[in-house]
Every structure is written in C-alpha cells, then in structure tokens.
C-alpha cells in the first residue's frame, strides 16, 4: 500500500495515475502481476516477491539491477547498457529479458516516468530456478513532480531522449540490432495510440495532456527507424 508523499495535489495525482499506468503497461505487453488499484487516496499494489503454498509464505529472491551489476553506491548513475549486460548475464532467457527492459524504457520515456534509477527495476528469482525481470513497479508520471526528478539511467547516446537506433546497437551483444530496430519500428502505432489507451485505463486527463507531446515525439522517432534499418542480403 502506497500513500502520497506529501499533501500536495500533484503528489496525489501522480499516485492516482500510477494505477492507470500499470494497466497501460499490461496493454502494451509489459510484465505485470495482478491489478493495481487506487482507492481512498491509497494505491494498492499486489506483492509479487512471495507465494503461499501449503499454508506457508515463501519469499522469492528479489535483486535490483544495481545489485545485479555489482554497484553498491546509493543513487549512482548506471548506464542502461551496463544494466542490460548484467541482465543478459544472469537471466534465464537473456533475449526476452533485454527486450523487456528496452520496452519498459520506451514506456518510461513516453509516459514521463523519469524516476528510472536501477533500484526501480529488479530481477526475480523464481521457485523453478528461473531468473527474470520482476513485474513492473514504480511506474508513474514523475515528470509532473515539481521538485524535478531527473532521468538517471540513460543510454550512452541519450542526451535529451534516447536515440532508439543507438539503443538497438547498444544491446547488440544480446539482440540482433536489425531485428531490434524493426521491432521498435513496429511499436510506433501502439505508442502513438497511448493517449487513447491511457484514457481507457483511467489515467487522469491532466496527466494525458502533459504526456501527449512526449508520446508524439517517441512514436515519430520509432516510426522513422524503418529508414535506418538494413535489409537482409
């Protein structure tokens, strides 16, 4: 259960929008678990790091990407390339998990989730021995925060917003860059429809209006990737 950080209306709005953001993430194919609900100024989030079997609670291992990459410094910047490399090294299915990581970054950028430090993404160690990204959490329009929440985790060629073609090249050690560019290009229509999806998922209108310029820009840049994609010989 999460409460607004302060009595400010903006903090309440951000937390209220988080419920809708999880529904949007699910609609976009991001790994989610259960339904996040907003009720009586509280956000209720299902736990995913424990299971109940035979009347006993079993705790699953949960490790942030900071830890996975061997970084102990609190709040230290950690390039997305390094996060992806650490994830690929330990994940049971490296290709699926790195693709999931990139998809989440596309949504973070489009939806204004600037609070993307590496503690806000973790891996889950499942009972069957699999290691994969945990369901998404802390997905909210932090771009609205008047205190200014910087996008800490960036790709090397990420100055203002990521250059998605460069992102595809940055994860080439795990994913074929040509296929990744085509996949990213294919996301453009769904990203462009995000304002409609957000409305259907109950995201407040003020949040949608604030994010629309970013969404339009991300959709346009993803769509342009087709021009830079090599054709197979």
C-alpha atoms as a PDB file:
ATOM      1  CA  UNK A   1       0.000   0.000   0.000  1.00  0.00           C
ATOM      2  CA  UNK A   2       1.372   3.401  -1.031  1.00  0.00           C
ATOM      3  CA  UNK A   3       0.352   6.851   0.149  1.00  0.00           C
ATOM      4  CA  UNK A   4       1.038  10.261  -1.438  1.00  0.00           C
ATOM      5  CA  UNK A   5       4.445  11.536  -0.309  1.00  0.00           C
ATOM      6  CA  UNK A   6       3.054  14.915   0.732  1.00  0.00           C
ATOM      7  CA  UNK A   7      -0.288  16.685   0.977  1.00  0.00           C
ATOM      8  CA  UNK A   8       0.364  18.402  -2.373  1.00  0.00           C
ATOM      9  CA  UNK A   9      -2.285  17.809  -5.022  1.00  0.00           C
ATOM     10  CA  UNK A  10       0.427  16.895  -7.543  1.00  0.00           C
ATOM     11  CA  UNK A  11       1.704  14.031  -5.384  1.00  0.00           C
ATOM     12  CA  UNK A  12      -1.821  12.713  -5.109  1.00  0.00           C
ATOM     13  CA  UNK A  13      -2.278  12.997  -8.873  1.00  0.00           C
ATOM     14  CA  UNK A  14       0.974  11.117  -9.562  1.00  0.00           C
ATOM     15  CA  UNK A  15      -0.020   8.260  -7.282  1.00  0.00           C
ATOM     16  CA  UNK A  16      -3.553   8.141  -8.654  1.00  0.00           C
ATOM     17  CA  UNK A  17      -2.142   7.907 -12.189  1.00  0.00           C
ATOM     18  CA  UNK A  18       0.128   5.015 -11.218  1.00  0.00           C
ATOM     19  CA  UNK A  19      -2.849   2.646 -11.122  1.00  0.00           C
ATOM     20  CA  UNK A  20      -3.743   3.530 -14.707  1.00  0.00           C
ATOM     21  CA  UNK A  21      -0.102   3.365 -15.758  1.00  0.00           C
ATOM     22  CA  UNK A  22       0.085  -0.280 -14.702  1.00  0.00           C
ATOM     23  CA  UNK A  23      -2.988  -1.033 -16.795  1.00  0.00           C
ATOM     24  CA  UNK A  24      -1.353   0.747 -19.755  1.00  0.00           C
ATOM     25  CA  UNK A  25       1.827  -1.293 -19.261  1.00  0.00           C
ATOM     26  CA  UNK A  26      -0.197  -4.501 -19.307  1.00  0.00           C
ATOM     27  CA  UNK A  27      -1.940  -3.402 -22.507  1.00  0.00           C
ATOM     28  CA  UNK A  28       1.493  -2.810 -24.061  1.00  0.00           C
ATOM     29  CA  UNK A  29       2.667  -6.317 -23.182  1.00  0.00           C
ATOM     30  CA  UNK A  30       4.902  -5.375 -20.244  1.00  0.00           C
ATOM     31  CA  UNK A  31       5.174  -7.971 -17.479  1.00  0.00           C
ATOM     32  CA  UNK A  32       2.692  -7.118 -14.727  1.00  0.00           C
ATOM     33  CA  UNK A  33       1.059  -9.004 -11.881  1.00  0.00           C
ATOM     34  CA  UNK A  34      -2.433  -8.519 -10.581  1.00  0.00           C
ATOM     35  CA  UNK A  35      -4.393  -5.273 -10.580  1.00  0.00           C
ATOM     36  CA  UNK A  36      -3.073  -2.053  -9.083  1.00  0.00           C
ATOM     37  CA  UNK A  37      -5.968  -0.067  -7.640  1.00  0.00           C
ATOM     38  CA  UNK A  38      -6.478   3.483  -6.376  1.00  0.00           C
ATOM     39  CA  UNK A  39      -8.930   3.805  -3.513  1.00  0.00           C
ATOM     40  CA  UNK A  40      -9.413   6.324  -0.683  1.00  0.00           C
ATOM     41  CA  UNK A  41      -6.187   8.161  -1.573  1.00  0.00           C
ATOM     42  CA  UNK A  42      -4.201   4.902  -1.339  1.00  0.00           C
ATOM     43  CA  UNK A  43      -2.552   2.795  -4.033  1.00  0.00           C
ATOM     44  CA  UNK A  44      -2.872  -0.942  -3.516  1.00  0.00           C
ATOM     45  CA  UNK A  45      -0.156  -2.982  -5.250  1.00  0.00           C
ATOM     46  CA  UNK A  46      -0.146  -6.821  -5.224  1.00  0.00           C
ATOM     47  CA  UNK A  47       3.074  -8.315  -3.863  1.00  0.00           C
ATOM     48  CA  UNK A  48       4.997 -10.445  -6.318  1.00  0.00           C
ATOM     49  CA  UNK A  49       8.003 -11.433  -4.182  1.00  0.00           C
ATOM     50  CA  UNK A  50       6.226 -14.136  -2.184  1.00  0.00           C
ATOM     51  CA  UNK A  51       3.902 -17.070  -2.740  1.00  0.00           C
ATOM     52  CA  UNK A  52       1.732 -19.052  -0.358  1.00  0.00           C
ATOM     53  CA  UNK A  53       1.988 -22.832  -0.589  1.00  0.00           C
ATOM     54  CA  UNK A  54       0.523 -25.371   1.835  1.00  0.00           C
ATOM     55  CA  UNK A  55      -0.351 -22.589   4.221  1.00  0.00           C
ATOM     56  CA  UNK A  56       3.187 -21.181   4.341  1.00  0.00           C
ATOM     57  CA  UNK A  57       4.601 -17.973   2.893  1.00  0.00           C
ATOM     58  CA  UNK A  58       7.652 -18.500   0.711  1.00  0.00           C
ATOM     59  CA  UNK A  59       9.793 -15.478  -0.133  1.00  0.00           C
ATOM     60  CA  UNK A  60      11.292 -15.175  -3.594  1.00  0.00           C
ATOM     61  CA  UNK A  61      14.669 -13.611  -4.194  1.00  0.00           C
ATOM     62  CA  UNK A  62      14.441 -10.026  -5.450  1.00  0.00           C
ATOM     63  CA  UNK A  63      17.558  -8.167  -6.579  1.00  0.00           C
ATOM     64  CA  UNK A  64      17.810  -4.703  -8.097  1.00  0.00           C
ATOM     65  CA  UNK A  65      19.745  -4.056 -11.286  1.00  0.00           C
ATOM     66  CA  UNK A  66      22.184  -2.013  -9.192  1.00  0.00           C
ATOM     67  CA  UNK A  67      22.999  -5.145  -7.223  1.00  0.00           C
ATOM     68  CA  UNK A  68      22.991  -7.350 -10.297  1.00  0.00           C
ATOM     69  CA  UNK A  69      25.573  -5.055 -11.921  1.00  0.00           C
ATOM     70  CA  UNK A  70      27.732  -5.042  -8.791  1.00  0.00           C
ATOM     71  CA  UNK A  71      27.090  -1.402  -7.899  1.00  0.00           C
ATOM     72  CA  UNK A  72      26.836  -0.643  -4.178  1.00  0.00           C
ATOM     73  CA  UNK A  73      26.849   3.174  -4.244  1.00  0.00           C
ATOM     74  CA  UNK A  74      23.423   4.569  -3.376  1.00  0.00           C
ATOM     75  CA  UNK A  75      21.915   6.572  -6.234  1.00  0.00           C
ATOM     76  CA  UNK A  76      24.931   6.207  -8.531  1.00  0.00           C
ATOM     77  CA  UNK A  77      24.214   6.711 -12.245  1.00  0.00           C
ATOM     78  CA  UNK A  78      24.234   3.380 -14.061  1.00  0.00           C
ATOM     79  CA  UNK A  79      24.177   3.323 -17.841  1.00  0.00           C
ATOM     80  CA  UNK A  80      21.414   1.315 -19.436  1.00  0.00           C
ATOM     81  CA  UNK A  81      23.998  -0.630 -21.435  1.00  0.00           C
ATOM     82  CA  UNK A  82      25.519  -1.895 -18.199  1.00  0.00           C
ATOM     83  CA  UNK A  83      22.111  -2.800 -16.815  1.00  0.00           C
ATOM     84  CA  UNK A  84      21.277  -4.715 -19.987  1.00  0.00           C
ATOM     85  CA  UNK A  85      24.614  -6.532 -19.906  1.00  0.00           C
ATOM     86  CA  UNK A  86      24.135  -7.586 -16.282  1.00  0.00           C
ATOM     87  CA  UNK A  87      20.608  -8.734 -17.029  1.00  0.00           C
ATOM     88  CA  UNK A  88      21.759 -10.734 -20.057  1.00  0.00           C
ATOM     89  CA  UNK A  89      24.484 -12.381 -17.977  1.00  0.00           C
ATOM     90  CA  UNK A  90      22.161 -13.706 -15.273  1.00  0.00           C
ATOM     91  CA  UNK A  91      18.709 -14.033 -16.863  1.00  0.00           C
ATOM     92  CA  UNK A  92      17.469 -17.464 -17.856  1.00  0.00           C
ATOM     93  CA  UNK A  93      16.302 -16.104 -21.222  1.00  0.00           C
ATOM     94  CA  UNK A  94      18.615 -13.156 -21.984  1.00  0.00           C
ATOM     95  CA  UNK A  95      16.949 -12.125 -25.253  1.00  0.00           C
ATOM     96  CA  UNK A  96      13.444 -11.993 -23.779  1.00  0.00           C
ATOM     97  CA  UNK A  97      14.559 -10.077 -20.705  1.00  0.00           C
ATOM     98  CA  UNK A  98      16.668  -7.479 -22.519  1.00  0.00           C
ATOM     99  CA  UNK A  99      13.802  -6.896 -24.955  1.00  0.00           C
ATOM    100  CA  UNK A 100      11.501  -6.429 -21.948  1.00  0.00           C
ATOM    101  CA  UNK A 101      13.987  -3.946 -20.475  1.00  0.00           C
ATOM    102  CA  UNK A 102      14.027  -1.923 -23.704  1.00  0.00           C
ATOM    103  CA  UNK A 103      10.220  -1.980 -23.939  1.00  0.00           C
ATOM    104  CA  UNK A 104       9.957  -0.633 -20.409  1.00  0.00           C
ATOM    105  CA  UNK A 105      12.359   2.156 -21.301  1.00  0.00           C
ATOM    106  CA  UNK A 106      10.243   3.123 -24.310  1.00  0.00           C
ATOM    107  CA  UNK A 107       7.244   3.412 -21.995  1.00  0.00           C
ATOM    108  CA  UNK A 108       9.233   5.259 -19.320  1.00  0.00           C
ATOM    109  CA  UNK A 109      10.172   7.902 -21.863  1.00  0.00           C
ATOM    110  CA  UNK A 110       6.750   8.181 -23.493  1.00  0.00           C
ATOM    111  CA  UNK A 111       4.854   8.242 -20.196  1.00  0.00           C
ATOM    112  CA  UNK A 112       7.196  10.630 -18.403  1.00  0.00           C
ATOM    113  CA  UNK A 113       8.449   8.155 -15.803  1.00  0.00           C
ATOM    114  CA  UNK A 114      11.742   9.931 -15.148  1.00  0.00           C
ATOM    115  CA  UNK A 115      12.397   8.191 -11.814  1.00  0.00           C
ATOM    116  CA  UNK A 116      14.116   5.281 -13.543  1.00  0.00           C
ATOM    117  CA  UNK A 117      17.103   4.582 -11.296  1.00  0.00           C
ATOM    118  CA  UNK A 118      18.244   0.968 -11.146  1.00  0.00           C
ATOM    119  CA  UNK A 119      16.506   0.212  -7.847  1.00  0.00           C
ATOM    120  CA  UNK A 120      13.204   0.697  -9.642  1.00  0.00           C
ATOM    121  CA  UNK A 121      13.931  -2.340 -11.821  1.00  0.00           C
ATOM    122  CA  UNK A 122      14.704  -5.741 -10.318  1.00  0.00           C
ATOM    123  CA  UNK A 123      15.065  -9.392 -11.163  1.00  0.00           C
ATOM    124  CA  UNK A 124      13.003 -12.079  -9.504  1.00  0.00           C
ATOM    125  CA  UNK A 125      14.415 -15.493  -8.643  1.00  0.00           C
ATOM    126  CA  UNK A 126      11.562 -17.919  -9.147  1.00  0.00           C
ATOM    127  CA  UNK A 127      10.972 -21.268  -7.457  1.00  0.00           C
ATOM    128  CA  UNK A 128      11.710 -23.200 -10.640  1.00  0.00           C
ATOM    129  CA  UNK A 129      15.182 -21.675 -10.787  1.00  0.00           C
ATOM    130  CA  UNK A 130      14.355 -19.108 -13.468  1.00  0.00           C
ATOM    131  CA  UNK A 131      15.673 -15.585 -13.150  1.00  0.00           C
ATOM    132  CA  UNK A 132      13.762 -12.837 -14.947  1.00  0.00           C
ATOM    133  CA  UNK A 133      12.715  -9.239 -14.572  1.00  0.00           C
ATOM    134  CA  UNK A 134      10.145  -8.833 -11.855  1.00  0.00           C
ATOM    135  CA  UNK A 135       6.748  -7.410 -12.755  1.00  0.00           C
ATOM    136  CA  UNK A 136       6.999  -3.675 -13.372  1.00  0.00           C
ATOM    137  CA  UNK A 137       6.669  -1.379 -10.358  1.00  0.00           C
ATOM    138  CA  UNK A 138       7.066   2.320  -9.513  1.00  0.00           C
ATOM    139  CA  UNK A 139       5.728   3.285 -12.938  1.00  0.00           C
ATOM    140  CA  UNK A 140       4.290   6.784 -12.625  1.00  0.00           C
ATOM    141  CA  UNK A 141       4.316  10.221 -14.339  1.00  0.00           C
ATOM    142  CA  UNK A 142       7.196  11.603 -12.292  1.00  0.00           C
ATOM    143  CA  UNK A 143       7.648  14.298 -14.941  1.00  0.00           C
ATOM    144  CA  UNK A 144       4.877  16.109 -13.043  1.00  0.00           C
ATOM    145  CA  UNK A 145       6.885  16.300  -9.822  1.00  0.00           C
ATOM    146  CA  UNK A 146       7.687  19.995  -9.206  1.00  0.00           C
ATOM    147  CA  UNK A 147      10.902  19.036  -7.418  1.00  0.00           C
ATOM    148  CA  UNK A 148      12.310  17.829 -10.729  1.00  0.00           C
ATOM    149  CA  UNK A 149      13.064  14.106 -10.985  1.00  0.00           C
ATOM    150  CA  UNK A 150      15.938  13.569 -13.380  1.00  0.00           C
ATOM    151  CA  UNK A 151      16.171  10.577 -15.703  1.00  0.00           C
ATOM    152  CA  UNK A 152      19.200   8.989 -14.033  1.00  0.00           C
ATOM    153  CA  UNK A 153      19.559   5.775 -16.054  1.00  0.00           C
ATOM    154  CA  UNK A 154      20.450   6.725 -19.619  1.00  0.00           C
ATOM    155  CA  UNK A 155      21.942   5.095 -22.683  1.00  0.00           C
ATOM    156  CA  UNK A 156      25.297   6.440 -23.834  1.00  0.00           C
ATOM    157  CA  UNK A 157      23.716   8.378 -26.725  1.00  0.00           C
ATOM    158  CA  UNK A 158      20.792   9.534 -24.556  1.00  0.00           C
ATOM    159  CA  UNK A 159      21.099  13.325 -24.251  1.00  0.00           C
ATOM    160  CA  UNK A 160      17.517  14.528 -24.113  1.00  0.00           C
ATOM    161  CA  UNK A 161      15.649  11.411 -25.179  1.00  0.00           C
ATOM    162  CA  UNK A 162      17.124   8.077 -26.312  1.00  0.00           C
ATOM    163  CA  UNK A 163      18.198   7.630 -29.915  1.00  0.00           C
ATOM    164  CA  UNK A 164      16.383   4.341 -30.473  1.00  0.00           C
ATOM    165  CA  UNK A 165      18.604   3.218 -33.308  1.00  0.00           C
ATOM    166  CA  UNK A 166      21.598   3.628 -30.988  1.00  0.00           C
ATOM    167  CA  UNK A 167      19.739   1.691 -28.294  1.00  0.00           C
ATOM    168  CA  UNK A 168      19.341  -1.212 -30.725  1.00  0.00           C
ATOM    169  CA  UNK A 169      23.087  -1.130 -31.353  1.00  0.00           C
ATOM    170  CA  UNK A 170      23.820  -0.855 -27.615  1.00  0.00           C
ATOM    171  CA  UNK A 171      22.185  -4.218 -26.894  1.00  0.00           C
ATOM    172  CA  UNK A 172      23.691  -5.920 -29.956  1.00  0.00           C
ATOM    173  CA  UNK A 173      25.575  -8.312 -27.677  1.00  0.00           C
ATOM    174  CA  UNK A 174      22.227  -9.916 -26.854  1.00  0.00           C
ATOM    175  CA  UNK A 175      19.736  -8.853 -29.526  1.00  0.00           C
ATOM    176  CA  UNK A 176      20.234  -8.610 -33.274  1.00  0.00           C
ATOM    177  CA  UNK A 177      20.252  -4.854 -33.942  1.00  0.00           C
ATOM    178  CA  UNK A 178      18.432  -5.076 -37.279  1.00  0.00           C
ATOM    179  CA  UNK A 179      15.617  -7.151 -35.783  1.00  0.00           C
ATOM    180  CA  UNK A 180      15.522  -4.849 -32.763  1.00  0.00           C
ATOM    181  CA  UNK A 181      15.116  -1.780 -34.959  1.00  0.00           C
ATOM    182  CA  UNK A 182      12.301  -3.450 -36.842  1.00  0.00           C
ATOM    183  CA  UNK A 183      10.637  -4.422 -33.569  1.00  0.00           C
ATOM    184  CA  UNK A 184      10.986  -0.873 -32.231  1.00  0.00           C
ATOM    185  CA  UNK A 185       9.603   0.491 -35.501  1.00  0.00           C
ATOM    186  CA  UNK A 186       6.647  -1.847 -35.083  1.00  0.00           C
ATOM    187  CA  UNK A 187       5.876  -0.316 -31.680  1.00  0.00           C
ATOM    188  CA  UNK A 188       5.224   3.116 -33.201  1.00  0.00           C
ATOM    189  CA  UNK A 189       1.457   2.678 -33.825  1.00  0.00           C
ATOM    190  CA  UNK A 190       0.770   1.425 -30.287  1.00  0.00           C
ATOM    191  CA  UNK A 191       2.862   4.228 -28.800  1.00  0.00           C
ATOM    192  CA  UNK A 192       1.020   6.766 -30.921  1.00  0.00           C
ATOM    193  CA  UNK A 193      -2.272   5.402 -29.556  1.00  0.00           C
ATOM    194  CA  UNK A 194      -1.139   5.748 -25.936  1.00  0.00           C
ATOM    195  CA  UNK A 195      -3.350   8.784 -25.171  1.00  0.00           C
ATOM    196  CA  UNK A 196      -6.399   6.695 -26.115  1.00  0.00           C
ATOM    197  CA  UNK A 197      -5.094   3.708 -24.160  1.00  0.00           C
ATOM    198  CA  UNK A 198      -4.373   5.896 -21.143  1.00  0.00           C
ATOM    199  CA  UNK A 199      -7.905   7.269 -21.193  1.00  0.00           C
ATOM    200  CA  UNK A 200      -9.353   3.756 -21.410  1.00  0.00           C
ATOM    201  CA  UNK A 201      -7.156   2.711 -18.469  1.00  0.00           C
ATOM    202  CA  UNK A 202      -8.373   5.542 -16.267  1.00  0.00           C
ATOM    203  CA  UNK A 203      -5.324   7.801 -16.337  1.00  0.00           C
ATOM    204  CA  UNK A 204      -6.368  11.351 -15.331  1.00  0.00           C
ATOM    205  CA  UNK A 205      -6.870  13.734 -18.262  1.00  0.00           C
ATOM    206  CA  UNK A 206      -4.303  16.209 -16.889  1.00  0.00           C
ATOM    207  CA  UNK A 207      -1.616  13.534 -16.987  1.00  0.00           C
ATOM    208  CA  UNK A 208      -2.525  12.504 -20.532  1.00  0.00           C
ATOM    209  CA  UNK A 209      -2.335  16.120 -21.727  1.00  0.00           C
ATOM    210  CA  UNK A 210       1.099  16.546 -20.129  1.00  0.00           C
ATOM    211  CA  UNK A 211       2.462  13.404 -21.775  1.00  0.00           C
ATOM    212  CA  UNK A 212       0.994  13.808 -25.266  1.00  0.00           C
ATOM    213  CA  UNK A 213       3.912  15.828 -26.734  1.00  0.00           C
ATOM    214  CA  UNK A 214       6.393  13.200 -25.491  1.00  0.00           C
ATOM    215  CA  UNK A 215       4.251  10.377 -26.812  1.00  0.00           C
ATOM    216  CA  UNK A 216       4.027  12.015 -30.226  1.00  0.00           C
ATOM    217  CA  UNK A 217       7.790  12.509 -30.366  1.00  0.00           C
ATOM    218  CA  UNK A 218       8.594   8.939 -29.312  1.00  0.00           C
ATOM    219  CA  UNK A 219       6.099   7.488 -31.814  1.00  0.00           C
ATOM    220  CA  UNK A 220       7.558   9.636 -34.606  1.00  0.00           C
ATOM    221  CA  UNK A 221      11.138   8.605 -33.808  1.00  0.00           C
ATOM    222  CA  UNK A 222      10.256   4.923 -33.599  1.00  0.00           C
ATOM    223  CA  UNK A 223       8.434   5.125 -36.912  1.00  0.00           C
ATOM    224  CA  UNK A 224      11.480   6.743 -38.522  1.00  0.00           C
ATOM    225  CA  UNK A 225      13.648   3.741 -37.646  1.00  0.00           C
ATOM    226  CA  UNK A 226      12.496   1.928 -40.785  1.00  0.00           C
ATOM    227  CA  UNK A 227      14.622   4.319 -42.829  1.00  0.00           C
ATOM    228  CA  UNK A 228      17.782   3.279 -40.959  1.00  0.00           C
ATOM    229  CA  UNK A 229      17.131  -0.460 -40.890  1.00  0.00           C
ATOM    230  CA  UNK A 230      19.404  -2.570 -43.062  1.00  0.00           C
ATOM    231  CA  UNK A 231      17.737  -5.007 -45.426  1.00  0.00           C
ATOM    232  CA  UNK A 232      18.909  -8.609 -45.306  1.00  0.00           C
ATOM    233  CA  UNK A 233      21.129  -9.651 -48.202  1.00  0.00           C
END
